[in-house]
Amino acid sequence: MATPREALEKLKHYCAYQERCHKEVEQKLHQLKVWGEDADEIISNLIQENFLNEERYAQAFARGKFRMKKWGKNKIRYALKRNQISDYCIKKAMKEIDEDDYLKTLTSLAQKKYDSLKKDSFFRRKQKTRAHLIRKGYEYPLITEALENIIQTNNS
């Protein structure tokens, strides 16, 4: 069991290493066996000293998951909600994703998946590509448009 002072120092390092959300910090406090008023005071201190900022966390999370894992907005939004991030912060985070990059990434993922399914029938390729992109978190109308463009390009 850590003293509140030790816990605060550990959490400062924890938050300085990488952006964290309140939920992650609370879990870390439970691991350090710090509860109640001490935990609330530590969280308050981290916020005041700008070690903990949910808006900054949400923006970094959205940028990172899109750039590194090529997640779509639906999957990012769902993951942020699961981490108990406010709707306001989620909206701010979604603005971090450039629309042109988003559409280029979707098109690239769709093309790559579609091309990898050459042995399947036309309908099966289309179905599997759509399912893959939905799992990645992309929006259905955008997926449909990307698939139509790929099919037109391949037929011309």
C-alpha atoms as a PDB file:
ATOM      1  CA  MET A   1       0.000   0.000   0.000  1.00  0.00           C
ATOM      2  CA  ALA A   2       1.430   3.348  -1.093  1.00  0.00           C
ATOM      3  CA  THR A   3       1.104   6.532   0.911  1.00  0.00           C
ATOM      4  CA  PRO A   4      -0.862   9.299  -0.829  1.00  0.00           C
ATOM      5  CA  ARG A   5       2.388  11.188  -1.496  1.00  0.00           C
ATOM      6  CA  GLU A   6       4.072   8.125  -3.032  1.00  0.00           C
ATOM      7  CA  ALA A   7       0.967   7.398  -5.087  1.00  0.00           C
ATOM      8  CA  LEU A   8       0.900  10.985  -6.382  1.00  0.00           C
ATOM      9  CA  GLU A   9       4.540  10.761  -7.505  1.00  0.00           C
ATOM     10  CA  LYS A  10       3.968   7.397  -9.183  1.00  0.00           C
ATOM     11  CA  LEU A  11       0.896   8.732 -10.968  1.00  0.00           C
ATOM     12  CA  LYS A  12       2.744  11.838 -12.130  1.00  0.00           C
ATOM     13  CA  HIS A  13       5.253   9.554 -13.842  1.00  0.00           C
ATOM     14  CA  TYR A  14       2.418   7.335 -15.127  1.00  0.00           C
ATOM     15  CA  CYS A  15       0.632  10.327 -16.683  1.00  0.00           C
ATOM     16  CA  ALA A  16       3.810  11.998 -17.969  1.00  0.00           C
ATOM     17  CA  TYR A  17       4.819   8.844 -19.861  1.00  0.00           C
ATOM     18  CA  GLN A  18       1.618   8.782 -21.933  1.00  0.00           C
ATOM     19  CA  GLU A  19      -1.761  10.521 -21.982  1.00  0.00           C
ATOM     20  CA  ARG A  20      -4.188   8.856 -19.560  1.00  0.00           C
ATOM     21  CA  CYS A  21      -7.909   9.106 -18.898  1.00  0.00           C
ATOM     22  CA  HIS A  22      -9.537   9.348 -15.485  1.00  0.00           C
ATOM     23  CA  LYS A  23     -10.587   5.684 -15.636  1.00  0.00           C
ATOM     24  CA  GLU A  24      -6.981   4.504 -16.111  1.00  0.00           C
ATOM     25  CA  VAL A  25      -5.769   6.699 -13.252  1.00  0.00           C
ATOM     26  CA  GLU A  26      -8.518   5.377 -10.972  1.00  0.00           C
ATOM     27  CA  GLN A  27      -7.529   1.800 -11.846  1.00  0.00           C
ATOM     28  CA  LYS A  28      -3.906   2.592 -11.051  1.00  0.00           C
ATOM     29  CA  LEU A  29      -4.937   4.116  -7.710  1.00  0.00           C
ATOM     30  CA  HIS A  30      -6.819   0.896  -6.868  1.00  0.00           C
ATOM     31  CA  GLN A  31      -3.694  -1.122  -7.712  1.00  0.00           C
ATOM     32  CA  LEU A  32      -1.741   1.117  -5.332  1.00  0.00           C
ATOM     33  CA  LYS A  33      -4.506   0.547  -2.749  1.00  0.00           C
ATOM     34  CA  VAL A  34      -5.442   4.222  -2.494  1.00  0.00           C
ATOM     35  CA  TRP A  35      -9.174   4.957  -2.131  1.00  0.00           C
ATOM     36  CA  GLY A  36     -11.671   7.569  -1.010  1.00  0.00           C
ATOM     37  CA  GLU A  37     -10.665  11.133  -0.260  1.00  0.00           C
ATOM     38  CA  ASP A  38      -6.971  10.408  -0.835  1.00  0.00           C
ATOM     39  CA  ALA A  39      -7.723   9.154  -4.349  1.00  0.00           C
ATOM     40  CA  ASP A  40      -9.972  12.139  -5.093  1.00  0.00           C
ATOM     41  CA  GLU A  41      -7.301  14.532  -3.860  1.00  0.00           C
ATOM     42  CA  ILE A  42      -4.623  12.882  -6.003  1.00  0.00           C
ATOM     43  CA  ILE A  43      -6.819  13.068  -9.117  1.00  0.00           C
ATOM     44  CA  SER A  44      -7.617  16.711  -8.371  1.00  0.00           C
ATOM     45  CA  ASN A  45      -3.904  17.454  -7.963  1.00  0.00           C
ATOM     46  CA  LEU A  46      -3.070  15.724 -11.273  1.00  0.00           C
ATOM     47  CA  ILE A  47      -5.716  17.804 -13.060  1.00  0.00           C
ATOM     48  CA  GLN A  48      -4.514  21.067 -11.492  1.00  0.00           C
ATOM     49  CA  GLU A  49      -0.910  20.340 -12.472  1.00  0.00           C
ATOM     50  CA  ASN A  50      -2.075  19.380 -16.002  1.00  0.00           C
ATOM     51  CA  PHE A  51      -0.859  15.780 -15.809  1.00  0.00           C
ATOM     52  CA  LEU A  52      -4.415  14.617 -16.416  1.00  0.00           C
ATOM     53  CA  ASN A  53      -6.500  16.222 -19.157  1.00  0.00           C
ATOM     54  CA  GLU A  54      -9.348  14.252 -20.686  1.00  0.00           C
ATOM     55  CA  GLU A  55      -9.697  16.434 -23.781  1.00  0.00           C
ATOM     56  CA  ARG A  56      -5.986  16.091 -24.560  1.00  0.00           C
ATOM     57  CA  TYR A  57      -6.222  12.331 -23.916  1.00  0.00           C
ATOM     58  CA  ALA A  58      -9.188  11.935 -26.290  1.00  0.00           C
ATOM     59  CA  GLN A  59      -7.454  13.888 -29.057  1.00  0.00           C
ATOM     60  CA  ALA A  60      -4.213  11.911 -28.719  1.00  0.00           C
ATOM     61  CA  PHE A  61      -6.152   8.628 -28.584  1.00  0.00           C
ATOM     62  CA  ALA A  62      -8.120   9.442 -31.749  1.00  0.00           C
ATOM     63  CA  ARG A  63      -5.018  10.566 -33.684  1.00  0.00           C
ATOM     64  CA  GLY A  64      -3.022   7.542 -32.574  1.00  0.00           C
ATOM     65  CA  LYS A  65      -5.637   4.873 -33.245  1.00  0.00           C
ATOM     66  CA  PHE A  66      -6.405   6.336 -36.666  1.00  0.00           C
ATOM     67  CA  ARG A  67      -2.777   6.816 -37.713  1.00  0.00           C
ATOM     68  CA  MET A  68      -1.274   3.634 -36.260  1.00  0.00           C
ATOM     69  CA  LYS A  69      -4.093   1.078 -36.307  1.00  0.00           C
ATOM     70  CA  LYS A  70      -6.175   2.644 -39.100  1.00  0.00           C
ATOM     71  CA  TRP A  71      -9.337   2.579 -36.957  1.00  0.00           C
ATOM     72  CA  GLY A  72     -12.470   4.269 -38.233  1.00  0.00           C
ATOM     73  CA  LYS A  73     -14.403   6.914 -36.320  1.00  0.00           C
ATOM     74  CA  ASN A  74     -17.053   4.500 -35.033  1.00  0.00           C
ATOM     75  CA  LYS A  75     -14.481   2.255 -33.365  1.00  0.00           C
ATOM     76  CA  ILE A  76     -12.585   5.223 -31.909  1.00  0.00           C
ATOM     77  CA  ARG A  77     -15.820   6.764 -30.601  1.00  0.00           C
ATOM     78  CA  TYR A  78     -16.855   3.458 -29.009  1.00  0.00           C
ATOM     79  CA  ALA A  79     -13.449   2.986 -27.336  1.00  0.00           C
ATOM     80  CA  LEU A  80     -13.556   6.522 -25.923  1.00  0.00           C
ATOM     81  CA  LYS A  81     -17.076   5.969 -24.580  1.00  0.00           C
ATOM     82  CA  ARG A  82     -15.885   2.731 -22.960  1.00  0.00           C
ATOM     83  CA  ASN A  83     -13.224   4.800 -21.190  1.00  0.00           C
ATOM     84  CA  GLN A  84     -15.987   7.123 -19.918  1.00  0.00           C
ATOM     85  CA  ILE A  85     -14.910  10.125 -21.978  1.00  0.00           C
ATOM     86  CA  SER A  86     -17.487  12.916 -22.272  1.00  0.00           C
ATOM     87  CA  ASP A  87     -19.362  13.540 -25.517  1.00  0.00           C
ATOM     88  CA  TYR A  88     -17.778  17.002 -25.700  1.00  0.00           C
ATOM     89  CA  CYS A  89     -14.255  15.527 -25.621  1.00  0.00           C
ATOM     90  CA  ILE A  90     -15.216  12.836 -28.137  1.00  0.00           C
ATOM     91  CA  LYS A  91     -16.458  15.511 -30.577  1.00  0.00           C
ATOM     92  CA  LYS A  92     -13.197  17.446 -30.142  1.00  0.00           C
ATOM     93  CA  ALA A  93     -11.228  14.239 -30.715  1.00  0.00           C
ATOM     94  CA  MET A  94     -13.069  13.449 -33.962  1.00  0.00           C
ATOM     95  CA  LYS A  95     -12.022  16.854 -35.325  1.00  0.00           C
ATOM     96  CA  GLU A  96      -8.391  15.687 -35.021  1.00  0.00           C
ATOM     97  CA  ILE A  97      -8.908  13.294 -37.936  1.00  0.00           C
ATOM     98  CA  ASP A  98      -8.447  14.996 -41.301  1.00  0.00           C
ATOM     99  CA  GLU A  99     -11.318  14.085 -43.657  1.00  0.00           C
ATOM    100  CA  ASP A 100      -9.079  13.691 -46.718  1.00  0.00           C
ATOM    101  CA  ASP A 101      -6.705  11.369 -44.840  1.00  0.00           C
ATOM    102  CA  TYR A 102      -9.684   9.466 -43.485  1.00  0.00           C
ATOM    103  CA  LEU A 103     -11.147   8.826 -46.945  1.00  0.00           C
ATOM    104  CA  LYS A 104      -7.724   7.947 -48.399  1.00  0.00           C
ATOM    105  CA  THR A 105      -7.124   5.463 -45.579  1.00  0.00           C
ATOM    106  CA  LEU A 106     -10.563   3.900 -46.027  1.00  0.00           C
ATOM    107  CA  THR A 107     -10.018   3.575 -49.782  1.00  0.00           C
ATOM    108  CA  SER A 108      -6.563   2.086 -49.264  1.00  0.00           C
ATOM    109  CA  LEU A 109      -7.821  -0.467 -46.699  1.00  0.00           C
ATOM    110  CA  ALA A 110     -10.763  -1.384 -48.939  1.00  0.00           C
ATOM    111  CA  GLN A 111      -8.530  -1.856 -51.989  1.00  0.00           C
ATOM    112  CA  LYS A 112      -5.998  -3.934 -50.059  1.00  0.00           C
ATOM    113  CA  LYS A 113      -8.660  -6.228 -48.589  1.00  0.00           C
ATOM    114  CA  TYR A 114     -10.553  -6.552 -51.884  1.00  0.00           C
ATOM    115  CA  ASP A 115      -7.348  -7.428 -53.747  1.00  0.00           C
ATOM    116  CA  SER A 116      -6.418 -10.054 -51.141  1.00  0.00           C
ATOM    117  CA  LEU A 117      -9.632 -11.994 -51.870  1.00  0.00           C
ATOM    118  CA  LYS A 118      -9.012 -12.833 -55.530  1.00  0.00           C
ATOM    119  CA  LYS A 119     -10.011 -16.497 -55.053  1.00  0.00           C
ATOM    120  CA  ASP A 120     -13.495 -15.583 -53.806  1.00  0.00           C
ATOM    121  CA  SER A 121     -16.505 -14.772 -55.980  1.00  0.00           C
ATOM    122  CA  PHE A 122     -17.352 -11.129 -56.705  1.00  0.00           C
ATOM    123  CA  PHE A 123     -20.150 -11.030 -54.089  1.00  0.00           C
ATOM    124  CA  ARG A 124     -18.044 -12.816 -51.454  1.00  0.00           C
ATOM    125  CA  ARG A 125     -15.139 -10.377 -51.995  1.00  0.00           C
ATOM    126  CA  LYS A 126     -17.482  -7.440 -51.632  1.00  0.00           C
ATOM    127  CA  GLN A 127     -19.129  -8.932 -48.515  1.00  0.00           C
ATOM    128  CA  LYS A 128     -15.830  -9.787 -46.805  1.00  0.00           C
ATOM    129  CA  THR A 129     -14.335  -6.382 -47.610  1.00  0.00           C
ATOM    130  CA  ARG A 130     -17.416  -4.614 -46.218  1.00  0.00           C
ATOM    131  CA  ALA A 131     -17.342  -6.733 -43.036  1.00  0.00           C
ATOM    132  CA  HIS A 132     -13.629  -6.022 -42.561  1.00  0.00           C
ATOM    133  CA  LEU A 133     -14.157  -2.266 -42.847  1.00  0.00           C
ATOM    134  CA  ILE A 134     -17.137  -2.325 -40.479  1.00  0.00           C
ATOM    135  CA  ARG A 135     -14.978  -4.143 -37.895  1.00  0.00           C
ATOM    136  CA  LYS A 136     -12.347  -1.446 -38.375  1.00  0.00           C
ATOM    137  CA  GLY A 137     -15.020   1.112 -37.442  1.00  0.00           C
ATOM    138  CA  TYR A 138     -15.750   2.853 -40.723  1.00  0.00           C
ATOM    139  CA  GLU A 139     -19.177   4.232 -41.581  1.00  0.00           C
ATOM    140  CA  TYR A 140     -21.426   2.140 -43.818  1.00  0.00           C
ATOM    141  CA  PRO A 141     -22.198   4.839 -46.452  1.00  0.00           C
ATOM    142  CA  LEU A 142     -18.471   5.580 -46.867  1.00  0.00           C
ATOM    143  CA  ILE A 143     -17.689   1.870 -47.170  1.00  0.00           C
ATOM    144  CA  THR A 144     -20.360   1.452 -49.855  1.00  0.00           C
ATOM    145  CA  GLU A 145     -18.980   4.397 -51.810  1.00  0.00           C
ATOM    146  CA  ALA A 146     -15.392   3.107 -51.565  1.00  0.00           C
ATOM    147  CA  LEU A 147     -16.425  -0.367 -52.731  1.00  0.00           C
ATOM    148  CA  GLU A 148     -18.370   1.062 -55.676  1.00  0.00           C
ATOM    149  CA  ASN A 149     -15.292   3.058 -56.728  1.00  0.00           C
ATOM    150  CA  ILE A 150     -13.062  -0.031 -56.489  1.00  0.00           C
ATOM    151  CA  ILE A 151     -15.501  -2.123 -58.515  1.00  0.00           C
ATOM    152  CA  GLN A 152     -15.840   0.589 -61.194  1.00  0.00           C
ATOM    153  CA  THR A 153     -12.067   0.923 -61.413  1.00  0.00           C
ATOM    154  CA  ASN A 154     -11.609  -2.853 -61.748  1.00  0.00           C
ATOM    155  CA  ASN A 155     -14.300  -3.115 -64.450  1.00  0.00           C
ATOM    156  CA  SER A 156     -12.918  -0.342 -66.642  1.00  0.00           C
END
